[in-house]
PDB file of N, CA and C in Angstrom:
ATOM      1  N   UNK A   1      88.430 165.065  84.074  1.00  0.00           N
ATOM      2  CA  UNK A   1      87.327 164.017  84.556  1.00  0.00           C
ATOM      3  C   UNK A   1      87.300 163.593  86.060  1.00  0.00           C
ATOM      4  N   UNK A   2      86.799 163.258  86.357  1.00  0.00           N
ATOM      5  CA  UNK A   2      86.710 163.185  87.713  1.00  0.00           C
ATOM      6  C   UNK A   2      86.553 161.214  87.773  1.00  0.00           C
ATOM      7  N   UNK A   3      87.504 160.418  88.479  1.00  0.00           N
ATOM      8  CA  UNK A   3      87.253 159.198  88.932  1.00  0.00           C
ATOM      9  C   UNK A   3      87.024 158.965  90.412  1.00  0.00           C
ATOM     10  N   UNK A   4      85.841 158.790  90.672  1.00  0.00           N
ATOM     11  CA  UNK A   4      85.493 158.150  91.891  1.00  0.00           C
ATOM     12  C   UNK A   4      85.850 157.043  92.585  1.00  0.00           C
ATOM     13  N   UNK A   5      86.405 156.395  93.674  1.00  0.00           N
ATOM     14  CA  UNK A   5      86.366 155.024  94.243  1.00  0.00           C
ATOM     15  C   UNK A   5      84.949 154.191  93.979  1.00  0.00           C
ATOM     16  N   UNK A   6      85.261 153.028  94.056  1.00  0.00           N
ATOM     17  CA  UNK A   6      84.669 152.258  93.678  1.00  0.00           C
ATOM     18  C   UNK A   6      84.313 151.941  95.020  1.00  0.00           C
ATOM     19  N   UNK A   7      83.235 151.523  95.188  1.00  0.00           N
ATOM     20  CA  UNK A   7      82.331 151.430  96.923  1.00  0.00           C
ATOM     21  C   UNK A   7      83.110 149.418  96.901  1.00  0.00           C
ATOM     22  N   UNK A   8      83.494 148.600  96.011  1.00  0.00           N
ATOM     23  CA  UNK A   8      83.695 147.592  96.060  1.00  0.00           C
ATOM     24  C   UNK A   8      84.953 147.272  96.703  1.00  0.00           C
ATOM     25  N   UNK A   9      85.872 148.433  96.308  1.00  0.00           N
ATOM     26  CA  UNK A   9      87.350 148.052  96.421  1.00  0.00           C
ATOM     27  C   UNK A   9      87.584 148.510  97.924  1.00  0.00           C
ATOM     28  N   UNK A  10      87.067 149.224  98.558  1.00  0.00           N
ATOM     29  CA  UNK A  10      87.069 149.084  99.820  1.00  0.00           C
ATOM     30  C   UNK A  10      86.713 148.251 100.510  1.00  0.00           C
ATOM     31  N   UNK A  11      85.589 147.251 100.301  1.00  0.00           N
ATOM     32  CA  UNK A  11      85.071 146.647 100.799  1.00  0.00           C
ATOM     33  C   UNK A  11      85.900 145.199 100.743  1.00  0.00           C
ATOM     34  N   UNK A  12      86.983 145.090  99.887  1.00  0.00           N
ATOM     35  CA  UNK A  12      87.751 144.303  99.504  1.00  0.00           C
ATOM     36  C   UNK A  12      89.046 144.065 100.335  1.00  0.00           C
ATOM     37  N   UNK A  13      89.261 145.699 100.477  1.00  0.00           N
ATOM     38  CA  UNK A  13      90.142 146.070 101.449  1.00  0.00           C
ATOM     39  C   UNK A  13      90.460 145.726 102.918  1.00  0.00           C
ATOM     40  N   UNK A  14      89.529 145.825 103.210  1.00  0.00           N
ATOM     41  CA  UNK A  14      89.048 145.591 104.519  1.00  0.00           C
ATOM     42  C   UNK A  14      89.238 143.819 104.853  1.00  0.00           C
ATOM     43  N   UNK A  15      88.258 143.572 103.843  1.00  0.00           N
ATOM     44  CA  UNK A  15      88.356 141.927 103.983  1.00  0.00           C
ATOM     45  C   UNK A  15      89.618 141.438 103.901  1.00  0.00           C
ATOM     46  N   UNK A  16      90.762 142.027 103.549  1.00  0.00           N
ATOM     47  CA  UNK A  16      92.287 141.721 103.556  1.00  0.00           C
ATOM     48  C   UNK A  16      92.723 142.219 104.431  1.00  0.00           C
ATOM     49  N   UNK A  17      92.159 142.965 105.254  1.00  0.00           N
ATOM     50  CA  UNK A  17      93.159 143.273 106.890  1.00  0.00           C
ATOM     51  C   UNK A  17      92.442 142.582 107.717  1.00  0.00           C
ATOM     52  N   UNK A  18      91.421 142.216 107.779  1.00  0.00           N
ATOM     53  CA  UNK A  18      90.713 141.736 108.922  1.00  0.00           C
ATOM     54  C   UNK A  18      91.317 140.128 108.775  1.00  0.00           C
ATOM     55  N   UNK A  19      91.565 139.368 107.615  1.00  0.00           N
ATOM     56  CA  UNK A  19      92.197 138.118 107.561  1.00  0.00           C
ATOM     57  C   UNK A  19      93.834 138.415 107.577  1.00  0.00           C
ATOM     58  N   UNK A  20      94.200 139.303 107.031  1.00  0.00           N
ATOM     59  CA  UNK A  20      95.651 139.354 107.492  1.00  0.00           C
ATOM     60  C   UNK A  20      95.957 139.663 109.348  1.00  0.00           C
ATOM     61  N   UNK A  21      94.863 140.273 109.705  1.00  0.00           N
ATOM     62  CA  UNK A  21      94.905 140.437 111.097  1.00  0.00           C
ATOM     63  C   UNK A  21      94.369 139.028 112.209  1.00  0.00           C
ATOM     64  N   UNK A  22      93.704 137.780 111.438  1.00  0.00           N
ATOM     65  CA  UNK A  22      93.443 136.782 111.864  1.00  0.00           C
ATOM     66  C   UNK A  22      94.837 135.834 111.710  1.00  0.00           C
ATOM     67  N   UNK A  23      95.384 136.356 110.496  1.00  0.00           N
ATOM     68  CA  UNK A  23      96.867 135.571 110.024  1.00  0.00           C
ATOM     69  C   UNK A  23      98.055 135.644 111.416  1.00  0.00           C
ATOM     70  N   UNK A  24      97.925 137.419 111.449  1.00  0.00           N
ATOM     71  CA  UNK A  24      98.829 137.363 112.549  1.00  0.00           C
ATOM     72  C   UNK A  24      98.543 137.134 114.098  1.00  0.00           C
ATOM     73  N   UNK A  25      97.063 137.304 114.579  1.00  0.00           N
ATOM     74  CA  UNK A  25      97.016 136.725 116.283  1.00  0.00           C
ATOM     75  C   UNK A  25      96.995 135.147 115.574  1.00  0.00           C
ATOM     76  N   UNK A  26      97.273 134.343 115.138  1.00  0.00           N
ATOM     77  CA  UNK A  26      97.847 132.992 115.033  1.00  0.00           C
ATOM     78  C   UNK A  26      98.988 132.764 115.781  1.00  0.00           C
ATOM     79  N   UNK A  27      99.842 133.126 115.392  1.00  0.00           N
ATOM     80  CA  UNK A  27     101.232 133.371 115.167  1.00  0.00           C
ATOM     81  C   UNK A  27     101.950 133.691 116.134  1.00  0.00           C
ATOM     82  N   UNK A  28     102.544 132.767 117.138  1.00  0.00           N
ATOM     83  CA  UNK A  28     103.018 132.950 118.361  1.00  0.00           C
ATOM     84  C   UNK A  28     104.596 133.010 118.096  1.00  0.00           C
ATOM     85  N   UNK A  29     105.017 133.327 116.860  1.00  0.00           N
ATOM     86  CA  UNK A  29     106.698 133.071 116.649  1.00  0.00           C
ATOM     87  C   UNK A  29     107.548 131.945 117.020  1.00  0.00           C
ATOM     88  N   UNK A  30     107.059 130.878 116.843  1.00  0.00           N
ATOM     89  CA  UNK A  30     107.178 129.427 117.287  1.00  0.00           C
ATOM     90  C   UNK A  30     106.717 128.658 116.589  1.00  0.00           C
ATOM     91  N   UNK A  31     107.481 127.451 115.859  1.00  0.00           N
ATOM     92  CA  UNK A  31     107.079 126.690 114.685  1.00  0.00           C
ATOM     93  C   UNK A  31     107.257 125.023 115.838  1.00  0.00           C
ATOM     94  N   UNK A  32     106.198 124.571 115.396  1.00  0.00           N
ATOM     95  CA  UNK A  32     106.675 122.775 115.459  1.00  0.00           C
ATOM     96  C   UNK A  32     106.335 122.169 114.635  1.00  0.00           C
ATOM     97  N   UNK A  33     107.409 121.253 114.587  1.00  0.00           N
ATOM     98  CA  UNK A  33     107.173 119.987 113.468  1.00  0.00           C
ATOM     99  C   UNK A  33     107.051 118.530 114.624  1.00  0.00           C
ATOM    100  N   UNK A  34     106.127 118.049 113.711  1.00  0.00           N
ATOM    101  CA  UNK A  34     105.960 116.306 114.310  1.00  0.00           C
ATOM    102  C   UNK A  34     106.869 115.627 113.339  1.00  0.00           C
ATOM    103  N   UNK A  35     107.995 114.824 113.583  1.00  0.00           N
ATOM    104  CA  UNK A  35     108.527 113.955 112.908  1.00  0.00           C
ATOM    105  C   UNK A  35     108.155 112.441 112.867  1.00  0.00           C
ATOM    106  N   UNK A  36     106.919 112.520 113.968  1.00  0.00           N
ATOM    107  CA  UNK A  36     107.187 110.886 114.372  1.00  0.00           C
ATOM    108  C   UNK A  36     106.001 110.195 113.341  1.00  0.00           C
ATOM    109  N   UNK A  37     105.393 110.357 112.708  1.00  0.00           N
ATOM    110  CA  UNK A  37     104.427 109.852 111.358  1.00  0.00           C
ATOM    111  C   UNK A  37     105.207 109.909 110.593  1.00  0.00           C
ATOM    112  N   UNK A  38     106.318 110.517 110.211  1.00  0.00           N
ATOM    113  CA  UNK A  38     107.303 110.236 109.190  1.00  0.00           C
ATOM    114  C   UNK A  38     108.473 109.414 109.002  1.00  0.00           C
ATOM    115  N   UNK A  39     109.033 109.092 110.559  1.00  0.00           N
ATOM    116  CA  UNK A  39     109.922 107.979 111.312  1.00  0.00           C
ATOM    117  C   UNK A  39     109.119 106.436 111.118  1.00  0.00           C
ATOM    118  N   UNK A  40     107.491 106.648 111.532  1.00  0.00           N
ATOM    119  CA  UNK A  40     107.028 105.203 111.295  1.00  0.00           C
ATOM    120  C   UNK A  40     106.776 104.801 110.275  1.00  0.00           C
ATOM    121  N   UNK A  41     106.614 106.039 109.110  1.00  0.00           N
ATOM    122  CA  UNK A  41     106.221 105.245 107.550  1.00  0.00           C
ATOM    123  C   UNK A  41     107.833 104.792 107.402  1.00  0.00           C
ATOM    124  N   UNK A  42     108.619 105.408 107.842  1.00  0.00           N
ATOM    125  CA  UNK A  42     110.253 105.183 107.288  1.00  0.00           C
ATOM    126  C   UNK A  42     110.541 103.735 108.117  1.00  0.00           C
ATOM    127  N   UNK A  43     110.040 103.803 108.836  1.00  0.00           N
ATOM    128  CA  UNK A  43     110.425 102.149 109.279  1.00  0.00           C
ATOM    129  C   UNK A  43     109.434 101.278 109.044  1.00  0.00           C
ATOM    130  N   UNK A  44     108.617 101.665 108.833  1.00  0.00           N
ATOM    131  CA  UNK A  44     107.367 100.190 108.084  1.00  0.00           C
ATOM    132  C   UNK A  44     107.999 100.205 106.455  1.00  0.00           C
ATOM    133  N   UNK A  45     108.396 101.085 105.544  1.00  0.00           N
ATOM    134  CA  UNK A  45     109.015 101.067 104.680  1.00  0.00           C
ATOM    135  C   UNK A  45     110.252  99.804 104.452  1.00  0.00           C
ATOM    136  N   UNK A  46     111.623 100.037 105.322  1.00  0.00           N
ATOM    137  CA  UNK A  46     112.282  99.508 105.202  1.00  0.00           C
ATOM    138  C   UNK A  46     111.739  97.791 106.106  1.00  0.00           C
ATOM    139  N   UNK A  47     110.758  97.638 106.920  1.00  0.00           N
ATOM    140  CA  UNK A  47     110.591  96.524 107.227  1.00  0.00           C
ATOM    141  C   UNK A  47     109.969  95.686 106.316  1.00  0.00           C
ATOM    142  N   UNK A  48     109.397  95.982 105.533  1.00  0.00           N
ATOM    143  CA  UNK A  48     108.160  95.859 104.297  1.00  0.00           C
ATOM    144  C   UNK A  48     109.298  95.369 103.278  1.00  0.00           C
ATOM    145  N   UNK A  49     110.670  95.836 103.062  1.00  0.00           N
ATOM    146  CA  UNK A  49     111.672  95.539 102.159  1.00  0.00           C
ATOM    147  C   UNK A  49     112.509  93.976 102.622  1.00  0.00           C
ATOM    148  N   UNK A  50     111.989  93.484 103.929  1.00  0.00           N
ATOM    149  CA  UNK A  50     112.047  92.177 104.213  1.00  0.00           C
ATOM    150  C   UNK A  50     111.231  91.103 103.990  1.00  0.00           C
ATOM    151  N   UNK A  51     110.270  91.205 104.090  1.00  0.00           N
ATOM    152  CA  UNK A  51     108.688  90.680 103.175  1.00  0.00           C
ATOM    153  C   UNK A  51     109.024  89.985 102.068  1.00  0.00           C
ATOM    154  N   UNK A  52     108.948  88.909 101.360  1.00  0.00           N
ATOM    155  CA  UNK A  52     109.791  88.469 100.386  1.00  0.00           C
ATOM    156  C   UNK A  52     107.902  89.038  99.622  1.00  0.00           C
ATOM    157  N   UNK A  53     108.056  89.453  97.941  1.00  0.00           N
ATOM    158  CA  UNK A  53     107.214  89.918  97.084  1.00  0.00           C
ATOM    159  C   UNK A  53     106.381  88.399  97.146  1.00  0.00           C
ATOM    160  N   UNK A  54     106.994  87.595  96.697  1.00  0.00           N
ATOM    161  CA  UNK A  54     106.120  86.199  96.215  1.00  0.00           C
ATOM    162  C   UNK A  54     106.284  85.255  97.643  1.00  0.00           C
ATOM    163  N   UNK A  55     105.209  84.869  97.939  1.00  0.00           N
ATOM    164  CA  UNK A  55     105.466  83.421  99.126  1.00  0.00           C
ATOM    165  C   UNK A  55     105.828  82.265  98.492  1.00  0.00           C
ATOM    166  N   UNK A  56     106.740  81.730  98.431  1.00  0.00           N
ATOM    167  CA  UNK A  56     107.572  80.844  97.152  1.00  0.00           C
ATOM    168  C   UNK A  56     107.034  79.419  97.932  1.00  0.00           C
ATOM    169  N   UNK A  57     106.626  79.202  99.247  1.00  0.00           N
ATOM    170  CA  UNK A  57     106.507  77.984  99.640  1.00  0.00           C
ATOM    171  C   UNK A  57     104.746  77.307  99.219  1.00  0.00           C
ATOM    172  N   UNK A  58     104.031  78.656  99.421  1.00  0.00           N
ATOM    173  CA  UNK A  58     102.398  78.898  99.117  1.00  0.00           C
ATOM    174  C   UNK A  58     102.513  78.418  97.222  1.00  0.00           C
ATOM    175  N   UNK A  59     103.519  79.399  96.266  1.00  0.00           N
ATOM    176  CA  UNK A  59     102.890  79.269  94.956  1.00  0.00           C
ATOM    177  C   UNK A  59     103.424  77.259  94.728  1.00  0.00           C
ATOM    178  N   UNK A  60     104.672  77.252  95.098  1.00  0.00           N
ATOM    179  CA  UNK A  60     105.093  75.635  94.884  1.00  0.00           C
ATOM    180  C   UNK A  60     104.152  74.610  95.347  1.00  0.00           C
ATOM    181  N   UNK A  61     103.036  75.041  96.272  1.00  0.00           N
ATOM    182  CA  UNK A  61     102.456  73.987  96.896  1.00  0.00           C
ATOM    183  C   UNK A  61     101.021  73.879  95.949  1.00  0.00           C
ATOM    184  N   UNK A  62     101.068  74.712  95.267  1.00  0.00           N
ATOM    185  CA  UNK A  62      99.939  74.923  94.670  1.00  0.00           C
ATOM    186  C   UNK A  62     100.250  74.699  93.123  1.00  0.00           C
ATOM    187  N   UNK A  63     101.402  75.003  92.677  1.00  0.00           N
ATOM    188  CA  UNK A  63     101.665  74.489  91.551  1.00  0.00           C
ATOM    189  C   UNK A  63     101.447  73.249  91.745  1.00  0.00           C
ATOM    190  N   UNK A  64     101.935  72.510  92.760  1.00  0.00           N
ATOM    191  CA  UNK A  64     102.316  71.113  92.604  1.00  0.00           C
ATOM    192  C   UNK A  64     101.276  70.331  92.580  1.00  0.00           C
ATOM    193  N   UNK A  65     100.238  71.028  93.529  1.00  0.00           N
ATOM    194  CA  UNK A  65      98.883  70.655  93.886  1.00  0.00           C
ATOM    195  C   UNK A  65      97.667  70.766  92.191  1.00  0.00           C
ATOM    196  N   UNK A  66      98.236  71.613  90.997  1.00  0.00           N
ATOM    197  CA  UNK A  66      97.769  71.697  90.285  1.00  0.00           C
ATOM    198  C   UNK A  66      98.316  70.635  88.538  1.00  0.00           C
ATOM    199  N   UNK A  67      99.719  70.429  89.235  1.00  0.00           N
ATOM    200  CA  UNK A  67     100.288  69.581  88.315  1.00  0.00           C
ATOM    201  C   UNK A  67      99.641  67.826  88.671  1.00  0.00           C
ATOM    202  N   UNK A  68      99.435  67.716  90.173  1.00  0.00           N
ATOM    203  CA  UNK A  68      98.956  66.729  90.030  1.00  0.00           C
ATOM    204  C   UNK A  68      97.309  66.331  90.160  1.00  0.00           C
ATOM    205  N   UNK A  69      96.670  67.122  90.100  1.00  0.00           N
ATOM    206  CA  UNK A  69      95.282  67.491  89.411  1.00  0.00           C
ATOM    207  C   UNK A  69      94.150  67.001  90.885  1.00  0.00           C
ATOM    208  N   UNK A  70      95.212  67.416  92.034  1.00  0.00           N
ATOM    209  CA  UNK A  70      94.141  67.667  93.481  1.00  0.00           C
ATOM    210  C   UNK A  70      94.091  69.029  93.497  1.00  0.00           C
ATOM    211  N   UNK A  71      94.366  69.720  92.788  1.00  0.00           N
ATOM    212  CA  UNK A  71      94.024  71.354  93.276  1.00  0.00           C
ATOM    213  C   UNK A  71      92.561  71.449  92.963  1.00  0.00           C
ATOM    214  N   UNK A  72      91.829  71.330  94.283  1.00  0.00           N
ATOM    215  CA  UNK A  72      90.169  71.732  94.251  1.00  0.00           C
ATOM    216  C   UNK A  72      89.297  73.309  94.102  1.00  0.00           C
ATOM    217  N   UNK A  73      88.643  73.247  93.217  1.00  0.00           N
ATOM    218  CA  UNK A  73      88.279  74.958  93.257  1.00  0.00           C
ATOM    219  C   UNK A  73      86.941  74.595  94.577  1.00  0.00           C
ATOM    220  N   UNK A  74      86.829  75.375  95.267  1.00  0.00           N
ATOM    221  CA  UNK A  74      85.438  75.571  96.314  1.00  0.00           C
ATOM    222  C   UNK A  74      84.485  77.074  95.483  1.00  0.00           C
ATOM    223  N   UNK A  75      83.774  76.585  94.621  1.00  0.00           N
ATOM    224  CA  UNK A  75      82.976  77.682  93.626  1.00  0.00           C
ATOM    225  C   UNK A  75      82.060  78.968  95.097  1.00  0.00           C
ATOM    226  N   UNK A  76      81.264  78.429  96.117  1.00  0.00           N
ATOM    227  CA  UNK A  76      80.973  78.433  97.292  1.00  0.00           C
ATOM    228  C   UNK A  76      82.022  79.512  98.024  1.00  0.00           C
ATOM    229  N   UNK A  77      82.913  79.151  98.274  1.00  0.00           N
ATOM    230  CA  UNK A  77      84.383  80.075  98.917  1.00  0.00           C
ATOM    231  C   UNK A  77      84.580  80.881  97.776  1.00  0.00           C
ATOM    232  N   UNK A  78      84.364  80.692  96.670  1.00  0.00           N
ATOM    233  CA  UNK A  78      85.047  81.753  95.594  1.00  0.00           C
ATOM    234  C   UNK A  78      83.985  83.223  95.988  1.00  0.00           C
ATOM    235  N   UNK A  79      82.783  82.412  95.744  1.00  0.00           N
ATOM    236  CA  UNK A  79      81.993  83.702  95.950  1.00  0.00           C
ATOM    237  C   UNK A  79      80.978  83.857  96.715  1.00  0.00           C
ATOM    238  N   UNK A  80      81.290  83.533  98.341  1.00  0.00           N
ATOM    239  CA  UNK A  80      81.339  84.254  99.796  1.00  0.00           C
ATOM    240  C   UNK A  80      82.842  85.226  99.338  1.00  0.00           C
ATOM    241  N   UNK A  81      83.765  84.919  99.223  1.00  0.00           N
ATOM    242  CA  UNK A  81      84.794  85.863  99.023  1.00  0.00           C
ATOM    243  C   UNK A  81      84.464  87.657  98.050  1.00  0.00           C
ATOM    244  N   UNK A  82      83.669  86.948  96.835  1.00  0.00           N
ATOM    245  CA  UNK A  82      83.688  88.269  95.926  1.00  0.00           C
ATOM    246  C   UNK A  82      82.274  89.073  96.579  1.00  0.00           C
ATOM    247  N   UNK A  83      81.244  88.693  97.449  1.00  0.00           N
ATOM    248  CA  UNK A  83      80.029  89.237  97.867  1.00  0.00           C
ATOM    249  C   UNK A  83      81.188  89.969  99.370  1.00  0.00           C
ATOM    250  N   UNK A  84      82.078  89.529  99.537  1.00  0.00           N
ATOM    251  CA  UNK A  84      82.183  89.991 101.109  1.00  0.00           C
ATOM    252  C   UNK A  84      81.837  89.326 102.079  1.00  0.00           C
ATOM    253  N   UNK A  85      81.601  88.120 102.125  1.00  0.00           N
ATOM    254  CA  UNK A  85      81.259  87.280 103.212  1.00  0.00           C
ATOM    255  C   UNK A  85      82.074  86.438 103.513  1.00  0.00           C
TER     256      UNK A  85
END
């Protein structure tokens, strides 16, 4: 029994060798890494640690206004913020 090469096999090998050539041509032997974005993220992360999670003064003012009955709800303002205006 004689088995002949399948035409698709040679085609795939040709594609693989062309892709390998593209990869090899793109490399010049030097790698470059940019850490500036990483450093910026790290800086912002540590700065965010100094910001309180809850704005205590605002929360206390709102609590006081609710307890005194002076807190007023502005339905138009709420509607504008919901609608993106």
